[in-house]
């Protein structure tokens, strides 16, 4: 890897980290606005979402950059990174919960790790495919489609598998599963295309001078 490639990768990582942190905070804010605020779980829930977003989106951004959008490679990155990020984020959440209730047990942690592996394996492969077209709408479409499917699955499983579950909990789960892949799609589009788009905007101005 030459100096130019190293600089480009470093820029991608920095953009992915900051955008991923922002995404985690935005999703948590959306959940807080849409549901009743639980001060006891605000910190651990926020830490969980930021950790998840940071790990999975940054891993995919790096994988996409290093693999140069090769579909199988980025798909494998998503397949492996998502369950690992899910487990780490849940560990962070539990370490800050101080005995707070973990809520509904269905879907189980193992089931969700498998769901995340499948979802983000497909996500990574599809993002690598649409990245060749550089269109934000295609990225967002991928995120929205996978997010809607996963949100529906999680809500149905939560309603069927738990004797009682609060409406707020269902709303929070649906928002979480829907917004994260959409936001992560934007992060990957931004990290892949922001520099090129800026260069294109600056090129005409430079040529006119």
N, C-alpha and C. Protein backbone atom coordinates (compact mmCIF):
# COMPACT_ATOMS: atom_id res chain seq x y z
N UNK A 1 0.85 -1.20 0.00
CA UNK A 1 0.00 0.00 0.00
C UNK A 1 0.88 1.24 0.00
N UNK A 2 0.72 2.13 -1.02
CA UNK A 2 1.54 3.32 -1.11
C UNK A 2 1.03 4.41 -0.18
N UNK A 3 1.76 5.53 -0.15
CA UNK A 3 1.43 6.62 0.77
C UNK A 3 0.05 7.19 0.49
N UNK A 4 -0.29 7.33 -0.80
CA UNK A 4 -1.60 7.88 -1.17
C UNK A 4 -2.73 6.99 -0.70
N UNK A 5 -2.56 5.66 -0.89
CA UNK A 5 -3.58 4.72 -0.45
C UNK A 5 -3.73 4.73 1.07
N UNK A 6 -2.58 4.83 1.78
CA UNK A 6 -2.61 4.87 3.24
C UNK A 6 -3.34 6.11 3.74
N UNK A 7 -3.07 7.25 3.08
CA UNK A 7 -3.74 8.49 3.46
C UNK A 7 -5.23 8.41 3.21
N UNK A 8 -5.63 7.80 2.09
CA UNK A 8 -7.04 7.66 1.76
C UNK A 8 -7.74 6.75 2.75
N UNK A 9 -7.08 5.65 3.14
CA UNK A 9 -7.66 4.73 4.12
C UNK A 9 -7.81 5.40 5.48
N UNK A 10 -6.80 6.16 5.87
CA UNK A 10 -6.87 6.87 7.16
C UNK A 10 -8.03 7.86 7.16
N UNK A 11 -8.21 8.56 6.04
CA UNK A 11 -9.32 9.51 5.93
C UNK A 11 -10.65 8.79 6.02
N UNK A 12 -10.75 7.62 5.37
CA UNK A 12 -11.98 6.83 5.41
C UNK A 12 -12.30 6.39 6.83
N UNK A 13 -11.29 5.95 7.56
CA UNK A 13 -11.48 5.49 8.94
C UNK A 13 -11.96 6.63 9.82
N UNK A 14 -11.31 7.79 9.69
CA UNK A 14 -11.69 8.95 10.52
C UNK A 14 -13.14 9.35 10.24
N UNK A 15 -13.50 9.44 8.97
CA UNK A 15 -14.88 9.82 8.62
C UNK A 15 -15.87 8.76 9.11
N UNK A 16 -15.51 7.48 8.97
CA UNK A 16 -16.42 6.42 9.39
C UNK A 16 -16.62 6.44 10.91
N UNK A 17 -15.56 6.67 11.66
CA UNK A 17 -15.67 6.69 13.13
C UNK A 17 -16.60 7.79 13.59
N UNK A 18 -16.37 9.01 13.10
CA UNK A 18 -17.19 10.14 13.56
C UNK A 18 -18.63 10.02 13.09
N UNK A 19 -18.83 9.58 11.86
CA UNK A 19 -20.20 9.41 11.35
C UNK A 19 -20.93 8.30 12.09
N UNK A 20 -20.21 7.23 12.43
CA UNK A 20 -20.82 6.12 13.14
C UNK A 20 -21.24 6.52 14.55
N UNK A 21 -20.40 7.28 15.23
CA UNK A 21 -20.75 7.77 16.56
C UNK A 21 -21.99 8.65 16.48
N UNK A 22 -22.01 9.54 15.50
CA UNK A 22 -23.17 10.41 15.31
C UNK A 22 -24.43 9.59 15.02
N UNK A 23 -24.30 8.54 14.22
CA UNK A 23 -25.44 7.68 13.90
C UNK A 23 -26.01 7.03 15.15
N UNK A 24 -25.14 6.50 16.01
CA UNK A 24 -25.61 5.89 17.24
C UNK A 24 -26.38 6.86 18.12
N UNK A 25 -25.88 8.09 18.21
CA UNK A 25 -26.55 9.11 19.02
C UNK A 25 -27.88 9.53 18.39
N UNK A 26 -27.93 9.62 17.07
CA UNK A 26 -29.17 10.00 16.39
C UNK A 26 -30.25 8.94 16.59
N UNK A 27 -29.88 7.67 16.46
CA UNK A 27 -30.86 6.60 16.64
C UNK A 27 -31.38 6.59 18.08
N UNK A 28 -30.47 6.75 19.04
CA UNK A 28 -30.90 6.80 20.44
C UNK A 28 -31.82 7.98 20.68
N UNK A 29 -31.51 9.13 20.10
CA UNK A 29 -32.36 10.31 20.25
C UNK A 29 -33.75 10.06 19.66
N UNK A 30 -33.80 9.40 18.51
CA UNK A 30 -35.08 9.09 17.87
C UNK A 30 -35.93 8.18 18.76
N UNK A 31 -35.28 7.21 19.39
CA UNK A 31 -35.99 6.29 20.28
C UNK A 31 -36.50 7.03 21.51
N UNK A 32 -35.68 7.90 22.08
CA UNK A 32 -36.08 8.66 23.26
C UNK A 32 -37.27 9.56 22.95
N UNK A 33 -37.24 10.19 21.77
CA UNK A 33 -38.34 11.08 21.37
C UNK A 33 -39.63 10.29 21.16
N UNK A 34 -39.51 9.09 20.57
CA UNK A 34 -40.70 8.31 20.22
C UNK A 34 -41.27 7.51 21.38
N UNK A 35 -40.49 7.30 22.42
CA UNK A 35 -40.94 6.48 23.54
C UNK A 35 -40.76 7.24 24.85
N UNK A 36 -41.25 6.64 25.92
CA UNK A 36 -41.10 7.22 27.25
C UNK A 36 -39.65 7.10 27.70
N UNK A 37 -39.07 8.21 28.13
CA UNK A 37 -37.67 8.23 28.55
C UNK A 37 -37.49 7.45 29.84
N UNK A 38 -36.56 6.49 29.83
CA UNK A 38 -36.20 5.74 31.03
C UNK A 38 -34.79 6.17 31.43
N UNK A 39 -34.69 7.02 32.44
CA UNK A 39 -33.39 7.57 32.82
C UNK A 39 -32.43 6.48 33.27
N UNK A 40 -32.96 5.40 33.84
CA UNK A 40 -32.10 4.35 34.35
C UNK A 40 -31.34 3.64 33.23
N UNK A 41 -31.97 3.52 32.07
CA UNK A 41 -31.33 2.79 30.98
C UNK A 41 -30.78 3.70 29.88
N UNK A 42 -30.88 5.01 30.05
CA UNK A 42 -30.44 5.93 29.00
C UNK A 42 -28.96 5.77 28.69
N UNK A 43 -28.11 5.78 29.70
CA UNK A 43 -26.66 5.66 29.47
C UNK A 43 -26.27 4.32 28.86
N UNK A 44 -26.69 3.18 29.44
CA UNK A 44 -26.30 1.90 28.83
C UNK A 44 -26.87 1.70 27.43
N UNK A 45 -28.09 2.17 27.19
CA UNK A 45 -28.68 2.03 25.86
C UNK A 45 -27.93 2.87 24.83
N UNK A 46 -27.56 4.09 25.24
CA UNK A 46 -26.80 4.96 24.33
C UNK A 46 -25.42 4.36 24.04
N UNK A 47 -24.76 3.85 25.08
CA UNK A 47 -23.44 3.23 24.90
C UNK A 47 -23.53 2.02 23.98
N UNK A 48 -24.60 1.25 24.12
CA UNK A 48 -24.78 0.07 23.27
C UNK A 48 -24.93 0.46 21.81
N UNK A 49 -25.74 1.48 21.56
CA UNK A 49 -25.99 1.89 20.18
C UNK A 49 -24.77 2.53 19.54
N UNK A 50 -24.05 3.34 20.29
CA UNK A 50 -22.83 3.95 19.75
C UNK A 50 -21.78 2.88 19.49
N UNK A 51 -21.63 1.92 20.41
CA UNK A 51 -20.65 0.84 20.23
C UNK A 51 -20.98 0.01 19.00
N UNK A 52 -22.23 -0.37 18.87
CA UNK A 52 -22.66 -1.17 17.71
C UNK A 52 -22.40 -0.43 16.41
N UNK A 53 -22.86 0.82 16.35
CA UNK A 53 -22.70 1.61 15.14
C UNK A 53 -21.23 1.81 14.78
N UNK A 54 -20.44 2.14 15.78
CA UNK A 54 -19.01 2.39 15.58
C UNK A 54 -18.32 1.16 15.02
N UNK A 55 -18.58 0.01 15.61
CA UNK A 55 -17.88 -1.22 15.23
C UNK A 55 -18.31 -1.72 13.85
N UNK A 56 -19.62 -1.83 13.63
CA UNK A 56 -20.07 -2.46 12.39
C UNK A 56 -19.90 -1.53 11.19
N UNK A 57 -20.24 -0.25 11.33
CA UNK A 57 -20.13 0.66 10.18
C UNK A 57 -18.67 0.93 9.82
N UNK A 58 -17.82 1.08 10.84
CA UNK A 58 -16.40 1.32 10.56
C UNK A 58 -15.76 0.10 9.92
N UNK A 59 -16.11 -1.09 10.41
CA UNK A 59 -15.58 -2.32 9.82
C UNK A 59 -15.97 -2.44 8.35
N UNK A 60 -17.24 -2.13 8.04
CA UNK A 60 -17.69 -2.20 6.66
C UNK A 60 -17.03 -1.14 5.79
N UNK A 61 -16.85 0.06 6.34
CA UNK A 61 -16.21 1.13 5.59
C UNK A 61 -14.76 0.76 5.25
N UNK A 62 -14.05 0.21 6.23
CA UNK A 62 -12.67 -0.22 6.01
C UNK A 62 -12.63 -1.37 5.00
N UNK A 63 -13.51 -2.34 5.21
CA UNK A 63 -13.56 -3.49 4.30
C UNK A 63 -13.85 -3.09 2.88
N UNK A 64 -14.78 -2.17 2.71
CA UNK A 64 -15.14 -1.71 1.37
C UNK A 64 -13.98 -0.97 0.70
N UNK A 65 -13.25 -0.17 1.52
CA UNK A 65 -12.12 0.58 0.98
C UNK A 65 -10.95 -0.33 0.62
N UNK A 66 -10.60 -1.23 1.53
CA UNK A 66 -9.46 -2.12 1.32
C UNK A 66 -9.73 -3.12 0.19
N UNK A 67 -10.96 -3.67 0.18
CA UNK A 67 -11.32 -4.67 -0.84
C UNK A 67 -11.69 -4.04 -2.16
N UNK A 68 -11.73 -2.69 -2.20
CA UNK A 68 -12.09 -1.96 -3.43
C UNK A 68 -13.43 -2.44 -3.98
N UNK A 69 -14.40 -2.52 -3.06
CA UNK A 69 -15.80 -2.84 -3.38
C UNK A 69 -15.99 -4.22 -4.00
N UNK A 70 -15.12 -5.17 -3.69
CA UNK A 70 -15.34 -6.53 -4.18
C UNK A 70 -16.48 -7.15 -3.36
N UNK A 71 -17.52 -7.56 -4.04
CA UNK A 71 -18.77 -7.96 -3.39
C UNK A 71 -18.59 -9.11 -2.39
N UNK A 72 -17.93 -10.22 -2.75
CA UNK A 72 -17.81 -11.32 -1.77
C UNK A 72 -17.04 -10.91 -0.51
N UNK A 73 -15.99 -10.12 -0.70
CA UNK A 73 -15.15 -9.74 0.45
C UNK A 73 -15.92 -8.85 1.42
N UNK A 74 -16.60 -7.83 0.90
CA UNK A 74 -17.35 -6.92 1.77
C UNK A 74 -18.52 -7.65 2.42
N UNK A 75 -19.12 -8.59 1.70
CA UNK A 75 -20.17 -9.40 2.29
C UNK A 75 -19.67 -10.22 3.47
N UNK A 76 -18.49 -10.80 3.33
CA UNK A 76 -17.90 -11.59 4.42
C UNK A 76 -17.56 -10.69 5.61
N UNK A 77 -17.07 -9.48 5.33
CA UNK A 77 -16.79 -8.53 6.41
C UNK A 77 -18.06 -8.25 7.22
N UNK A 78 -19.17 -7.99 6.53
CA UNK A 78 -20.43 -7.76 7.22
C UNK A 78 -20.90 -8.98 7.98
N UNK A 79 -20.74 -10.15 7.38
CA UNK A 79 -21.15 -11.41 8.00
C UNK A 79 -20.42 -11.65 9.32
N UNK A 80 -19.13 -11.31 9.36
CA UNK A 80 -18.32 -11.55 10.56
C UNK A 80 -18.39 -10.39 11.55
N UNK A 81 -18.41 -9.16 11.02
CA UNK A 81 -18.36 -7.99 11.91
C UNK A 81 -19.65 -7.78 12.69
N UNK A 82 -20.80 -8.04 12.06
CA UNK A 82 -22.07 -7.74 12.70
C UNK A 82 -22.31 -8.54 13.99
N UNK A 83 -22.17 -9.87 13.98
CA UNK A 83 -22.39 -10.59 15.25
C UNK A 83 -21.35 -10.24 16.30
N UNK A 84 -20.10 -10.00 15.88
CA UNK A 84 -19.08 -9.61 16.85
C UNK A 84 -19.41 -8.26 17.46
N UNK A 85 -19.83 -7.30 16.63
CA UNK A 85 -20.21 -5.98 17.12
C UNK A 85 -21.43 -6.07 18.02
N UNK A 86 -22.38 -6.94 17.68
CA UNK A 86 -23.58 -7.11 18.49
C UNK A 86 -23.22 -7.61 19.89
N UNK A 87 -22.36 -8.61 19.96
CA UNK A 87 -21.96 -9.17 21.26
C UNK A 87 -21.21 -8.14 22.09
N UNK A 88 -20.28 -7.43 21.47
CA UNK A 88 -19.50 -6.41 22.20
C UNK A 88 -20.41 -5.30 22.69
N UNK A 89 -21.32 -4.83 21.84
CA UNK A 89 -22.23 -3.75 22.23
C UNK A 89 -23.14 -4.18 23.37
N UNK A 90 -23.63 -5.42 23.34
CA UNK A 90 -24.47 -5.92 24.42
C UNK A 90 -23.67 -6.04 25.72
N UNK A 91 -22.40 -6.41 25.61
CA UNK A 91 -21.54 -6.50 26.80
C UNK A 91 -21.35 -5.13 27.42
N UNK A 92 -21.12 -4.11 26.57
CA UNK A 92 -21.00 -2.73 27.05
C UNK A 92 -22.29 -2.30 27.75
N UNK A 93 -23.42 -2.63 27.14
CA UNK A 93 -24.71 -2.25 27.72
C UNK A 93 -24.91 -2.89 29.09
N UNK A 94 -24.63 -4.19 29.19
CA UNK A 94 -24.82 -4.89 30.46
C UNK A 94 -23.88 -4.37 31.54
N UNK A 95 -22.66 -4.00 31.15
CA UNK A 95 -21.69 -3.52 32.14
C UNK A 95 -22.10 -2.18 32.74
N UNK A 96 -22.95 -1.43 32.04
CA UNK A 96 -23.40 -0.13 32.53
C UNK A 96 -24.82 -0.15 33.08
N UNK A 97 -25.47 -1.32 33.02
CA UNK A 97 -26.89 -1.39 33.39
C UNK A 97 -27.13 -1.37 34.89
N UNK A 98 -26.17 -1.82 35.68
CA UNK A 98 -26.28 -1.79 37.14
C UNK A 98 -27.55 -2.50 37.61
N UNK A 99 -27.77 -3.69 37.04
CA UNK A 99 -28.89 -4.50 37.51
C UNK A 99 -30.22 -4.15 36.90
N UNK A 100 -30.28 -3.23 35.94
CA UNK A 100 -31.55 -2.89 35.31
C UNK A 100 -32.07 -4.08 34.52
N UNK A 101 -33.37 -4.15 34.38
CA UNK A 101 -33.99 -5.26 33.66
C UNK A 101 -33.56 -5.26 32.21
N UNK A 102 -33.28 -6.43 31.67
CA UNK A 102 -32.86 -6.55 30.28
C UNK A 102 -34.03 -6.54 29.31
N UNK A 103 -35.27 -6.59 29.85
CA UNK A 103 -36.46 -6.51 29.01
C UNK A 103 -36.81 -7.88 28.43
N UNK A 104 -37.52 -7.89 27.34
CA UNK A 104 -37.98 -9.13 26.73
C UNK A 104 -36.81 -9.99 26.29
N UNK A 105 -36.99 -11.31 26.42
CA UNK A 105 -35.89 -12.23 26.12
C UNK A 105 -35.96 -12.81 24.71
N UNK A 106 -37.03 -12.54 24.00
CA UNK A 106 -37.20 -13.06 22.65
C UNK A 106 -37.26 -11.88 21.67
N UNK A 107 -36.48 -11.89 20.61
CA UNK A 107 -35.48 -12.87 20.19
C UNK A 107 -34.29 -12.93 21.17
N UNK A 108 -33.72 -14.10 21.30
CA UNK A 108 -32.58 -14.27 22.18
C UNK A 108 -31.33 -13.62 21.59
N UNK A 109 -30.31 -13.48 22.44
CA UNK A 109 -29.06 -12.90 21.97
C UNK A 109 -28.44 -13.69 20.84
N UNK A 110 -28.47 -15.01 20.94
CA UNK A 110 -27.91 -15.87 19.90
C UNK A 110 -28.68 -15.70 18.59
N UNK A 111 -30.01 -15.68 18.72
CA UNK A 111 -30.84 -15.51 17.52
C UNK A 111 -30.56 -14.17 16.84
N UNK A 112 -30.44 -13.11 17.64
CA UNK A 112 -30.18 -11.79 17.08
C UNK A 112 -28.79 -11.71 16.44
N UNK A 113 -27.82 -12.40 17.03
CA UNK A 113 -26.48 -12.42 16.45
C UNK A 113 -26.51 -13.07 15.07
N UNK A 114 -27.30 -14.14 14.93
CA UNK A 114 -27.44 -14.81 13.63
C UNK A 114 -28.16 -13.91 12.63
N UNK A 115 -29.23 -13.26 13.11
CA UNK A 115 -29.98 -12.34 12.25
C UNK A 115 -29.07 -11.21 11.75
N UNK A 116 -28.27 -10.66 12.66
CA UNK A 116 -27.35 -9.57 12.28
C UNK A 116 -26.30 -10.05 11.28
N UNK A 117 -25.81 -11.27 11.47
CA UNK A 117 -24.82 -11.81 10.54
C UNK A 117 -25.39 -11.90 9.13
N UNK A 118 -26.60 -12.44 9.02
CA UNK A 118 -27.25 -12.57 7.71
C UNK A 118 -27.55 -11.19 7.12
N UNK A 119 -28.13 -10.31 7.96
CA UNK A 119 -28.51 -8.98 7.49
C UNK A 119 -27.31 -8.19 6.97
N UNK A 120 -26.24 -8.15 7.76
CA UNK A 120 -25.11 -7.32 7.36
C UNK A 120 -24.17 -8.01 6.39
N UNK A 121 -24.27 -9.34 6.27
CA UNK A 121 -23.58 -10.02 5.18
C UNK A 121 -24.18 -9.59 3.85
N UNK A 122 -25.53 -9.60 3.78
CA UNK A 122 -26.22 -9.12 2.59
C UNK A 122 -25.98 -7.63 2.38
N UNK A 123 -26.02 -6.89 3.47
CA UNK A 123 -25.81 -5.45 3.41
C UNK A 123 -24.46 -5.12 2.81
N UNK A 124 -23.41 -5.78 3.30
CA UNK A 124 -22.07 -5.53 2.79
C UNK A 124 -21.95 -5.85 1.32
N UNK A 125 -22.51 -6.99 0.90
CA UNK A 125 -22.44 -7.38 -0.51
C UNK A 125 -23.19 -6.40 -1.39
N UNK A 126 -24.38 -5.99 -0.96
CA UNK A 126 -25.19 -5.08 -1.76
C UNK A 126 -24.57 -3.68 -1.82
N UNK A 127 -24.00 -3.23 -0.71
CA UNK A 127 -23.34 -1.93 -0.70
C UNK A 127 -22.14 -1.93 -1.63
N UNK A 128 -21.38 -3.01 -1.62
CA UNK A 128 -20.24 -3.11 -2.54
C UNK A 128 -20.71 -3.04 -3.99
N UNK A 129 -21.86 -3.64 -4.26
CA UNK A 129 -22.41 -3.63 -5.62
C UNK A 129 -22.86 -2.23 -6.02
N UNK A 130 -23.63 -1.55 -5.15
CA UNK A 130 -24.14 -0.22 -5.51
C UNK A 130 -23.06 0.85 -5.45
N UNK A 131 -21.95 0.57 -4.73
CA UNK A 131 -20.90 1.59 -4.61
C UNK A 131 -20.27 1.91 -5.96
N UNK A 132 -20.38 1.03 -6.92
CA UNK A 132 -19.83 1.28 -8.25
C UNK A 132 -20.64 2.35 -8.99
N UNK A 133 -21.86 2.62 -8.49
CA UNK A 133 -22.73 3.60 -9.14
C UNK A 133 -22.72 4.95 -8.41
N UNK A 134 -22.22 4.97 -7.19
CA UNK A 134 -22.02 6.20 -6.42
C UNK A 134 -23.31 6.97 -6.12
N UNK A 135 -24.46 6.34 -6.23
CA UNK A 135 -25.73 7.04 -6.01
C UNK A 135 -26.22 6.82 -4.59
N UNK A 136 -26.43 7.92 -3.87
CA UNK A 136 -26.90 7.84 -2.49
C UNK A 136 -28.23 7.11 -2.39
N UNK A 137 -29.11 7.33 -3.34
CA UNK A 137 -30.44 6.71 -3.29
C UNK A 137 -30.35 5.19 -3.29
N UNK A 138 -29.38 4.63 -4.00
CA UNK A 138 -29.22 3.18 -4.02
C UNK A 138 -28.72 2.66 -2.68
N UNK A 139 -27.79 3.38 -2.07
CA UNK A 139 -27.32 3.01 -0.74
C UNK A 139 -28.49 2.99 0.25
N UNK A 140 -29.27 4.08 0.24
CA UNK A 140 -30.38 4.20 1.19
C UNK A 140 -31.45 3.15 0.93
N UNK A 141 -31.66 2.79 -0.32
CA UNK A 141 -32.62 1.75 -0.66
C UNK A 141 -32.20 0.41 -0.07
N UNK A 142 -30.92 0.09 -0.17
CA UNK A 142 -30.40 -1.14 0.42
C UNK A 142 -30.64 -1.15 1.93
N UNK A 143 -30.27 -0.04 2.59
CA UNK A 143 -30.45 0.04 4.03
C UNK A 143 -31.90 -0.05 4.44
N UNK A 144 -32.78 0.64 3.71
CA UNK A 144 -34.20 0.66 4.05
C UNK A 144 -34.84 -0.72 3.86
N UNK A 145 -34.49 -1.40 2.78
CA UNK A 145 -35.07 -2.71 2.50
C UNK A 145 -34.68 -3.73 3.57
N UNK A 146 -33.39 -3.81 3.87
CA UNK A 146 -32.93 -4.76 4.88
C UNK A 146 -33.42 -4.36 6.27
N UNK A 147 -33.43 -3.04 6.54
CA UNK A 147 -33.90 -2.57 7.84
C UNK A 147 -35.37 -2.88 8.07
N UNK A 148 -36.20 -2.68 7.03
CA UNK A 148 -37.63 -2.95 7.15
C UNK A 148 -37.89 -4.43 7.39
N UNK A 149 -37.16 -5.28 6.68
CA UNK A 149 -37.33 -6.72 6.86
C UNK A 149 -36.93 -7.15 8.27
N UNK A 150 -35.78 -6.67 8.74
CA UNK A 150 -35.31 -7.06 10.06
C UNK A 150 -36.21 -6.49 11.16
N UNK A 151 -36.66 -5.25 10.99
CA UNK A 151 -37.56 -4.64 11.98
C UNK A 151 -38.85 -5.46 12.09
N UNK A 152 -39.40 -5.85 10.95
CA UNK A 152 -40.63 -6.64 10.95
C UNK A 152 -40.40 -7.99 11.64
N UNK A 153 -39.28 -8.62 11.34
CA UNK A 153 -38.96 -9.91 11.96
C UNK A 153 -38.85 -9.78 13.47
N UNK A 154 -38.12 -8.77 13.93
CA UNK A 154 -37.88 -8.61 15.37
C UNK A 154 -39.18 -8.27 16.10
N UNK A 155 -40.00 -7.41 15.52
CA UNK A 155 -41.27 -7.04 16.17
C UNK A 155 -42.20 -8.26 16.26
N UNK A 156 -42.32 -9.02 15.17
CA UNK A 156 -43.18 -10.20 15.18
C UNK A 156 -42.69 -11.22 16.19
N UNK A 157 -41.38 -11.47 16.21
CA UNK A 157 -40.82 -12.44 17.16
C UNK A 157 -41.01 -11.95 18.60
N UNK A 158 -40.88 -10.66 18.83
CA UNK A 158 -41.06 -10.11 20.17
C UNK A 158 -42.50 -10.27 20.64
N UNK A 159 -43.45 -10.06 19.75
CA UNK A 159 -44.86 -10.19 20.11
C UNK A 159 -45.27 -11.64 20.32
N UNK A 160 -44.72 -12.53 19.51
CA UNK A 160 -45.07 -13.94 19.62
C UNK A 160 -44.33 -14.65 20.75
N UNK A 161 -43.13 -14.23 21.02
CA UNK A 161 -42.28 -14.97 21.96
C UNK A 161 -42.34 -14.52 23.39
N UNK A 162 -42.97 -13.36 23.66
CA UNK A 162 -43.03 -12.83 25.03
C UNK A 162 -44.48 -12.69 25.46
N UNK A 163 -44.75 -13.14 26.67
CA UNK A 163 -46.12 -13.08 27.18
C UNK A 163 -46.61 -11.64 27.24
N UNK A 164 -45.77 -10.74 27.70
CA UNK A 164 -46.12 -9.33 27.76
C UNK A 164 -44.92 -8.50 27.31
N UNK A 165 -45.18 -7.55 26.45
CA UNK A 165 -44.13 -6.63 26.05
C UNK A 165 -44.76 -5.26 25.81
N UNK A 166 -44.16 -4.23 26.36
CA UNK A 166 -44.71 -2.88 26.28
C UNK A 166 -44.65 -2.36 24.85
N UNK A 167 -45.62 -1.55 24.51
CA UNK A 167 -45.66 -0.94 23.18
C UNK A 167 -44.40 -0.11 22.93
N UNK A 168 -43.94 0.61 23.96
CA UNK A 168 -42.73 1.41 23.82
C UNK A 168 -41.52 0.56 23.44
N UNK A 169 -41.46 -0.65 24.01
CA UNK A 169 -40.34 -1.54 23.70
C UNK A 169 -40.39 -1.98 22.24
N UNK A 170 -41.60 -2.25 21.74
CA UNK A 170 -41.74 -2.64 20.34
C UNK A 170 -41.36 -1.49 19.41
N UNK A 171 -41.80 -0.28 19.76
CA UNK A 171 -41.47 0.89 18.96
C UNK A 171 -39.96 1.10 18.93
N UNK A 172 -39.34 0.98 20.11
CA UNK A 172 -37.89 1.17 20.21
C UNK A 172 -37.15 0.16 19.35
N UNK A 173 -37.59 -1.09 19.38
CA UNK A 173 -36.94 -2.12 18.58
C UNK A 173 -37.12 -1.86 17.08
N UNK A 174 -38.31 -1.46 16.70
CA UNK A 174 -38.57 -1.19 15.28
C UNK A 174 -37.73 -0.02 14.78
N UNK A 175 -37.66 1.05 15.56
CA UNK A 175 -36.85 2.22 15.18
C UNK A 175 -35.38 1.83 15.06
N UNK A 176 -34.91 1.08 16.05
CA UNK A 176 -33.52 0.65 16.08
C UNK A 176 -33.15 -0.16 14.85
N UNK A 177 -33.97 -1.16 14.54
CA UNK A 177 -33.65 -2.06 13.43
C UNK A 177 -33.83 -1.38 12.07
N UNK A 178 -34.72 -0.40 11.98
CA UNK A 178 -34.96 0.28 10.71
C UNK A 178 -33.92 1.35 10.43
N UNK A 179 -33.62 2.18 11.44
CA UNK A 179 -32.76 3.34 11.20
C UNK A 179 -31.28 2.99 11.07
N UNK A 180 -30.82 1.97 11.79
CA UNK A 180 -29.39 1.69 11.76
C UNK A 180 -28.87 1.32 10.36
N UNK A 181 -29.49 0.39 9.66
CA UNK A 181 -28.96 0.09 8.31
C UNK A 181 -29.09 1.26 7.34
N UNK A 182 -30.14 2.07 7.49
CA UNK A 182 -30.26 3.25 6.63
C UNK A 182 -29.13 4.22 6.93
N UNK A 183 -28.90 4.47 8.23
CA UNK A 183 -27.82 5.37 8.63
C UNK A 183 -26.46 4.84 8.26
N UNK A 184 -26.26 3.54 8.42
CA UNK A 184 -24.97 2.94 8.08
C UNK A 184 -24.74 3.01 6.57
N UNK A 185 -25.80 2.87 5.79
CA UNK A 185 -25.69 3.02 4.33
C UNK A 185 -25.21 4.43 3.98
N UNK A 186 -25.75 5.42 4.68
CA UNK A 186 -25.31 6.79 4.44
C UNK A 186 -23.84 6.97 4.82
N UNK A 187 -23.45 6.39 5.96
CA UNK A 187 -22.05 6.47 6.39
C UNK A 187 -21.13 5.90 5.33
N UNK A 188 -21.49 4.74 4.77
CA UNK A 188 -20.64 4.10 3.76
C UNK A 188 -20.62 4.90 2.46
N UNK A 189 -21.76 5.47 2.08
CA UNK A 189 -21.76 6.33 0.90
C UNK A 189 -20.87 7.55 1.13
N UNK A 190 -21.00 8.16 2.29
CA UNK A 190 -20.23 9.37 2.58
C UNK A 190 -18.74 9.09 2.60
N UNK A 191 -18.33 8.01 3.27
CA UNK A 191 -16.90 7.71 3.36
C UNK A 191 -16.32 7.32 2.01
N UNK A 192 -17.15 6.74 1.14
CA UNK A 192 -16.65 6.31 -0.17
C UNK A 192 -16.64 7.41 -1.21
N UNK A 193 -17.60 8.34 -1.11
CA UNK A 193 -17.83 9.27 -2.21
C UNK A 193 -17.64 10.74 -1.88
N UNK A 194 -17.56 11.10 -0.61
CA UNK A 194 -17.48 12.52 -0.25
C UNK A 194 -16.25 13.19 -0.87
N UNK A 195 -15.11 12.52 -0.79
CA UNK A 195 -13.89 13.11 -1.34
C UNK A 195 -13.96 13.29 -2.84
N UNK A 196 -14.49 12.27 -3.54
CA UNK A 196 -14.59 12.35 -4.99
C UNK A 196 -15.58 13.42 -5.43
N UNK A 197 -16.70 13.53 -4.71
CA UNK A 197 -17.69 14.54 -5.06
C UNK A 197 -17.15 15.95 -4.84
N UNK A 198 -16.40 16.11 -3.75
CA UNK A 198 -15.81 17.42 -3.46
C UNK A 198 -14.78 17.79 -4.52
N UNK A 199 -13.99 16.80 -4.96
CA UNK A 199 -12.98 17.05 -5.99
C UNK A 199 -13.64 17.45 -7.31
N UNK A 200 -14.77 16.83 -7.62
CA UNK A 200 -15.48 17.17 -8.84
C UNK A 200 -16.02 18.60 -8.79
N UNK A 201 -16.49 19.00 -7.60
CA UNK A 201 -17.03 20.36 -7.44
C UNK A 201 -15.92 21.41 -7.56
N UNK A 202 -14.74 21.04 -7.06
CA UNK A 202 -13.63 21.99 -7.06
C UNK A 202 -12.93 22.07 -8.41
N UNK A 203 -13.03 20.98 -9.21
CA UNK A 203 -12.31 20.93 -10.49
C UNK A 203 -12.73 22.05 -11.45
N UNK A 204 -14.03 22.30 -11.65
CA UNK A 204 -14.41 23.39 -12.58
C UNK A 204 -13.92 24.75 -12.10
N UNK A 205 -14.01 24.98 -10.78
CA UNK A 205 -13.56 26.25 -10.24
C UNK A 205 -12.06 26.44 -10.43
N UNK A 206 -11.31 25.35 -10.27
CA UNK A 206 -9.85 25.43 -10.44
C UNK A 206 -9.49 25.69 -11.90
N UNK A 207 -10.22 25.03 -12.82
CA UNK A 207 -9.92 25.20 -14.24
C UNK A 207 -10.25 26.58 -14.76
N UNK A 208 -11.18 27.28 -14.10
CA UNK A 208 -11.56 28.61 -14.52
C UNK A 208 -10.61 29.68 -14.05
N UNK A 209 -9.76 29.34 -13.06
CA UNK A 209 -8.84 30.34 -12.52
C UNK A 209 -7.65 30.56 -13.46
